Amino acid sequence: MTSKVQRQQTIARIIAEQAVTNQPMLLELLDKAGIEATQATVSRDLEDLGAVKVRVRKGEAAYAIPDFAPDRLAPQDQLRRVLSEWVAEVEYSDPMVIIRTPPGCAHVVASALDRSRIKGVVGTVAGDDTLFCVAEAKYGAKRLATDLRVLAGLSKAAR
């Protein structure tokens, strides 16, 4: 039998790896992972994890978990997925990089950037659909903006 902690860790991993649009879908994915749960249990788990629904590029809403342990690193592929799904625009004005997302998604992108500890990022501050990312002085905002655009699958040219 799977413990609550194990089940919630699996839910967080599933949500981090793919767009989960509803609880029945999550139940199916948990079942494939060998975890049996009821919809009521999954609903409580999502609430415990602080999961929120955010809009993804295709206009759908998917679950996201904005707050992660600060020592947990987001793998490069995870960061690339988050940026490609939720970043609409990247601009810069030294030392800041300004990232625009769909409404309600900026905190998800900021959390992924903070956890990734990607080179050049000092820290982030997120609003609803915009986040500010402070670039390391030696790295520069222009270079960081270019790196983030590439990870997000946006134009490679610096603006």
C-alpha atoms as a PDB file:
ATOM      1  CA  MET A   1       0.000   0.000   0.000  1.00  0.00           C
ATOM      2  CA  THR A   2       1.258   3.468  -0.913  1.00  0.00           C
ATOM      3  CA  SER A   3       1.603   6.071   1.835  1.00  0.00           C
ATOM      4  CA  LYS A   4       0.090   9.535   1.576  1.00  0.00           C
ATOM      5  CA  VAL A   5       3.556  11.081   1.184  1.00  0.00           C
ATOM      6  CA  GLN A   6       4.490   8.648  -1.614  1.00  0.00           C
ATOM      7  CA  ARG A   7       1.167   9.266  -3.381  1.00  0.00           C
ATOM      8  CA  GLN A   8       1.566  13.041  -3.136  1.00  0.00           C
ATOM      9  CA  GLN A   9       5.165  12.861  -4.380  1.00  0.00           C
ATOM     10  CA  THR A  10       3.946  10.822  -7.348  1.00  0.00           C
ATOM     11  CA  ILE A  11       1.177  13.344  -8.030  1.00  0.00           C
ATOM     12  CA  ALA A  12       3.698  16.209  -7.926  1.00  0.00           C
ATOM     13  CA  ARG A  13       6.023  14.332 -10.301  1.00  0.00           C
ATOM     14  CA  ILE A  14       3.180  13.537 -12.734  1.00  0.00           C
ATOM     15  CA  ILE A  15       2.018  17.167 -12.769  1.00  0.00           C
ATOM     16  CA  ALA A  16       5.592  18.353 -13.293  1.00  0.00           C
ATOM     17  CA  GLU A  17       6.136  15.972 -16.220  1.00  0.00           C
ATOM     18  CA  GLN A  18       2.928  16.512 -18.183  1.00  0.00           C
ATOM     19  CA  ALA A  19      -0.183  18.642 -18.500  1.00  0.00           C
ATOM     20  CA  VAL A  20      -2.849  17.103 -16.272  1.00  0.00           C
ATOM     21  CA  THR A  21      -6.143  18.758 -17.107  1.00  0.00           C
ATOM     22  CA  ASN A  22      -8.543  17.034 -14.699  1.00  0.00           C
ATOM     23  CA  GLN A  23      -8.811  14.654 -11.757  1.00  0.00           C
ATOM     24  CA  PRO A  24     -10.031  11.606 -13.756  1.00  0.00           C
ATOM     25  CA  MET A  25      -6.917  11.962 -15.931  1.00  0.00           C
ATOM     26  CA  LEU A  26      -4.753  12.136 -12.800  1.00  0.00           C
ATOM     27  CA  LEU A  27      -6.470   9.024 -11.411  1.00  0.00           C
ATOM     28  CA  GLU A  28      -5.623   7.162 -14.630  1.00  0.00           C
ATOM     29  CA  LEU A  29      -1.995   8.277 -14.490  1.00  0.00           C
ATOM     30  CA  LEU A  30      -1.741   7.234 -10.837  1.00  0.00           C
ATOM     31  CA  ASP A  31      -3.212   3.841 -11.717  1.00  0.00           C
ATOM     32  CA  LYS A  32      -0.565   3.431 -14.439  1.00  0.00           C
ATOM     33  CA  ALA A  33       2.039   4.233 -11.777  1.00  0.00           C
ATOM     34  CA  GLY A  34       0.592   1.446  -9.611  1.00  0.00           C
ATOM     35  CA  ILE A  35      -1.204   3.709  -7.149  1.00  0.00           C
ATOM     36  CA  GLU A  36      -4.886   3.217  -6.389  1.00  0.00           C
ATOM     37  CA  ALA A  37      -6.770   6.260  -5.124  1.00  0.00           C
ATOM     38  CA  THR A  38     -10.273   7.662  -5.092  1.00  0.00           C
ATOM     39  CA  GLN A  39     -11.220  10.989  -6.595  1.00  0.00           C
ATOM     40  CA  ALA A  40     -11.913  12.343  -3.101  1.00  0.00           C
ATOM     41  CA  THR A  41      -8.402  11.351  -1.980  1.00  0.00           C
ATOM     42  CA  VAL A  42      -6.814  12.911  -5.068  1.00  0.00           C
ATOM     43  CA  SER A  43      -8.845  16.073  -4.530  1.00  0.00           C
ATOM     44  CA  ARG A  44      -7.521  16.350  -0.943  1.00  0.00           C
ATOM     45  CA  ASP A  45      -3.979  15.599  -2.150  1.00  0.00           C
ATOM     46  CA  LEU A  46      -4.170  18.374  -4.751  1.00  0.00           C
ATOM     47  CA  GLU A  47      -5.345  20.781  -2.069  1.00  0.00           C
ATOM     48  CA  ASP A  48      -2.561  19.657   0.324  1.00  0.00           C
ATOM     49  CA  LEU A  49       0.014  20.165  -2.434  1.00  0.00           C
ATOM     50  CA  GLY A  50      -1.336  23.643  -3.200  1.00  0.00           C
ATOM     51  CA  ALA A  51      -2.101  22.664  -6.788  1.00  0.00           C
ATOM     52  CA  VAL A  52      -3.758  25.320  -8.896  1.00  0.00           C
ATOM     53  CA  LYS A  53      -5.187  25.292 -12.386  1.00  0.00           C
ATOM     54  CA  VAL A  54      -3.353  27.485 -14.872  1.00  0.00           C
ATOM     55  CA  ARG A  55      -3.902  28.113 -18.557  1.00  0.00           C
ATOM     56  CA  VAL A  56      -1.482  26.455 -20.910  1.00  0.00           C
ATOM     57  CA  ARG A  57      -0.719  27.622 -24.434  1.00  0.00           C
ATOM     58  CA  LYS A  58      -3.482  25.647 -26.091  1.00  0.00           C
ATOM     59  CA  GLY A  59      -6.077  27.442 -23.970  1.00  0.00           C
ATOM     60  CA  GLU A  60      -6.637  24.426 -21.715  1.00  0.00           C
ATOM     61  CA  ALA A  61      -6.311  24.561 -17.958  1.00  0.00           C
ATOM     62  CA  ALA A  62      -3.826  22.207 -16.309  1.00  0.00           C
ATOM     63  CA  TYR A  63      -2.725  21.616 -12.741  1.00  0.00           C
ATOM     64  CA  ALA A  64       0.480  23.184 -11.496  1.00  0.00           C
ATOM     65  CA  ILE A  65       2.142  23.120  -8.097  1.00  0.00           C
ATOM     66  CA  PRO A  66       3.747  26.534  -7.574  1.00  0.00           C
ATOM     67  CA  ASP A  67       5.634  25.987  -4.330  1.00  0.00           C
ATOM     68  CA  PHE A  68       8.397  23.417  -4.170  1.00  0.00           C
ATOM     69  CA  ALA A  69      11.110  22.759  -1.595  1.00  0.00           C
ATOM     70  CA  PRO A  70      13.901  25.290  -2.256  1.00  0.00           C
ATOM     71  CA  ASP A  71      16.604  22.611  -2.374  1.00  0.00           C
ATOM     72  CA  ARG A  72      14.815  20.611  -5.050  1.00  0.00           C
ATOM     73  CA  LEU A  73      16.305  21.238  -8.485  1.00  0.00           C
ATOM     74  CA  ALA A  74      14.188  21.375 -11.625  1.00  0.00           C
ATOM     75  CA  PRO A  75      15.916  19.261 -14.264  1.00  0.00           C
ATOM     76  CA  GLN A  76      16.746  21.031 -17.543  1.00  0.00           C
ATOM     77  CA  ASP A  77      14.007  19.138 -19.437  1.00  0.00           C
ATOM     78  CA  GLN A  78      11.432  20.126 -16.799  1.00  0.00           C
ATOM     79  CA  LEU A  79      12.503  23.771 -17.052  1.00  0.00           C
ATOM     80  CA  ARG A  80      12.353  23.641 -20.860  1.00  0.00           C
ATOM     81  CA  ARG A  81       8.816  22.158 -20.698  1.00  0.00           C
ATOM     82  CA  VAL A  82       7.573  24.812 -18.262  1.00  0.00           C
ATOM     83  CA  LEU A  83       9.088  27.642 -20.297  1.00  0.00           C
ATOM     84  CA  SER A  84       7.837  26.304 -23.633  1.00  0.00           C
ATOM     85  CA  GLU A  85       4.290  25.862 -22.306  1.00  0.00           C
ATOM     86  CA  TRP A  86       3.916  29.073 -20.312  1.00  0.00           C
ATOM     87  CA  VAL A  87       6.283  31.743 -21.612  1.00  0.00           C
ATOM     88  CA  ALA A  88       4.816  34.036 -24.260  1.00  0.00           C
ATOM     89  CA  GLU A  89       7.454  36.777 -24.388  1.00  0.00           C
ATOM     90  CA  VAL A  90      10.918  37.552 -22.995  1.00  0.00           C
ATOM     91  CA  GLU A  91      12.371  41.086 -22.906  1.00  0.00           C
ATOM     92  CA  TYR A  92      15.201  42.634 -20.936  1.00  0.00           C
ATOM     93  CA  SER A  93      16.376  45.890 -19.418  1.00  0.00           C
ATOM     94  CA  ASP A  94      19.602  45.427 -17.433  1.00  0.00           C
ATOM     95  CA  PRO A  95      19.697  43.862 -14.906  1.00  0.00           C
ATOM     96  CA  MET A  96      16.122  42.618 -15.332  1.00  0.00           C
ATOM     97  CA  VAL A  97      14.600  40.070 -17.663  1.00  0.00           C
ATOM     98  CA  ILE A  98      10.858  40.515 -18.064  1.00  0.00           C
ATOM     99  CA  ILE A  99       8.879  37.347 -18.830  1.00  0.00           C
ATOM    100  CA  ARG A 100       5.217  37.436 -19.836  1.00  0.00           C
ATOM    101  CA  THR A 101       2.917  34.443 -19.421  1.00  0.00           C
ATOM    102  CA  PRO A 102      -0.805  33.744 -19.737  1.00  0.00           C
ATOM    103  CA  PRO A 103      -2.846  35.005 -16.756  1.00  0.00           C
ATOM    104  CA  GLY A 104      -2.172  33.057 -13.567  1.00  0.00           C
ATOM    105  CA  CYS A 105       1.027  31.367 -14.802  1.00  0.00           C
ATOM    106  CA  ALA A 106       3.875  33.688 -13.798  1.00  0.00           C
ATOM    107  CA  HIS A 107       4.344  32.045 -10.376  1.00  0.00           C
ATOM    108  CA  VAL A 108       4.757  28.612 -11.980  1.00  0.00           C
ATOM    109  CA  VAL A 109       7.500  29.862 -14.308  1.00  0.00           C
ATOM    110  CA  ALA A 110       9.207  31.763 -11.467  1.00  0.00           C
ATOM    111  CA  SER A 111       9.179  28.682  -9.258  1.00  0.00           C
ATOM    112  CA  ALA A 112      10.691  26.542 -12.036  1.00  0.00           C
ATOM    113  CA  LEU A 113      13.416  29.146 -12.643  1.00  0.00           C
ATOM    114  CA  ASP A 114      14.184  29.456  -8.918  1.00  0.00           C
ATOM    115  CA  ARG A 115      14.424  25.686  -8.506  1.00  0.00           C
ATOM    116  CA  SER A 116      16.530  25.206 -11.628  1.00  0.00           C
ATOM    117  CA  ARG A 117      19.355  27.369 -10.337  1.00  0.00           C
ATOM    118  CA  ILE A 118      20.061  28.133 -13.986  1.00  0.00           C
ATOM    119  CA  LYS A 119      23.262  30.044 -14.619  1.00  0.00           C
ATOM    120  CA  GLY A 120      22.768  33.802 -14.691  1.00  0.00           C
ATOM    121  CA  VAL A 121      19.654  34.005 -12.486  1.00  0.00           C
ATOM    122  CA  VAL A 122      19.923  35.747  -9.119  1.00  0.00           C
ATOM    123  CA  GLY A 123      16.195  35.496  -8.312  1.00  0.00           C
ATOM    124  CA  THR A 124      12.650  36.084  -9.491  1.00  0.00           C
ATOM    125  CA  VAL A 125       9.534  38.019  -8.502  1.00  0.00           C
ATOM    126  CA  ALA A 126       6.199  36.978 -10.010  1.00  0.00           C
ATOM    127  CA  GLY A 127       2.880  38.684 -10.448  1.00  0.00           C
ATOM    128  CA  ASP A 128      -0.128  37.260 -12.268  1.00  0.00           C
ATOM    129  CA  ASP A 129       1.088  37.234 -15.872  1.00  0.00           C
ATOM    130  CA  THR A 130       4.509  38.876 -15.630  1.00  0.00           C
ATOM    131  CA  LEU A 131       7.664  38.006 -13.761  1.00  0.00           C
ATOM    132  CA  PHE A 132      10.938  39.795 -13.254  1.00  0.00           C
ATOM    133  CA  CYS A 133      14.115  37.807 -13.268  1.00  0.00           C
ATOM    134  CA  VAL A 134      17.276  39.506 -11.968  1.00  0.00           C
ATOM    135  CA  ALA A 135      20.372  38.630 -13.992  1.00  0.00           C
ATOM    136  CA  GLU A 136      23.817  38.203 -12.460  1.00  0.00           C
ATOM    137  CA  ALA A 137      25.892  41.307 -13.224  1.00  0.00           C
ATOM    138  CA  LYS A 138      28.661  39.362 -14.981  1.00  0.00           C
ATOM    139  CA  TYR A 139      26.143  37.270 -16.964  1.00  0.00           C
ATOM    140  CA  GLY A 140      23.958  40.136 -18.123  1.00  0.00           C
ATOM    141  CA  ALA A 141      20.258  40.445 -18.819  1.00  0.00           C
ATOM    142  CA  LYS A 142      20.679  40.319 -22.623  1.00  0.00           C
ATOM    143  CA  ARG A 143      22.462  36.962 -22.470  1.00  0.00           C
ATOM    144  CA  LEU A 144      20.005  35.560 -19.911  1.00  0.00           C
ATOM    145  CA  ALA A 145      17.017  36.708 -21.996  1.00  0.00           C
ATOM    146  CA  THR A 146      18.503  34.964 -25.044  1.00  0.00           C
ATOM    147  CA  ASP A 147      19.055  31.754 -23.041  1.00  0.00           C
ATOM    148  CA  LEU A 148      15.487  31.835 -21.730  1.00  0.00           C
ATOM    149  CA  ARG A 149      14.051  32.482 -25.214  1.00  0.00           C
ATOM    150  CA  VAL A 150      15.931  29.448 -26.539  1.00  0.00           C
ATOM    151  CA  LEU A 151      14.694  27.251 -23.666  1.00  0.00           C
ATOM    152  CA  ALA A 152      11.140  28.498 -24.257  1.00  0.00           C
ATOM    153  CA  GLY A 153      11.354  27.778 -27.991  1.00  0.00           C
ATOM    154  CA  LEU A 154      10.914  31.445 -28.868  1.00  0.00           C
ATOM    155  CA  SER A 155      12.988  33.431 -31.361  1.00  0.00           C
ATOM    156  CA  LYS A 156      16.713  33.023 -30.776  1.00  0.00           C
ATOM    157  CA  ALA A 157      17.421  36.634 -31.729  1.00  0.00           C
ATOM    158  CA  ALA A 158      17.933  39.053 -28.850  1.00  0.00           C
ATOM    159  CA  ARG A 159      15.463  41.914 -28.693  1.00  0.00           C
END
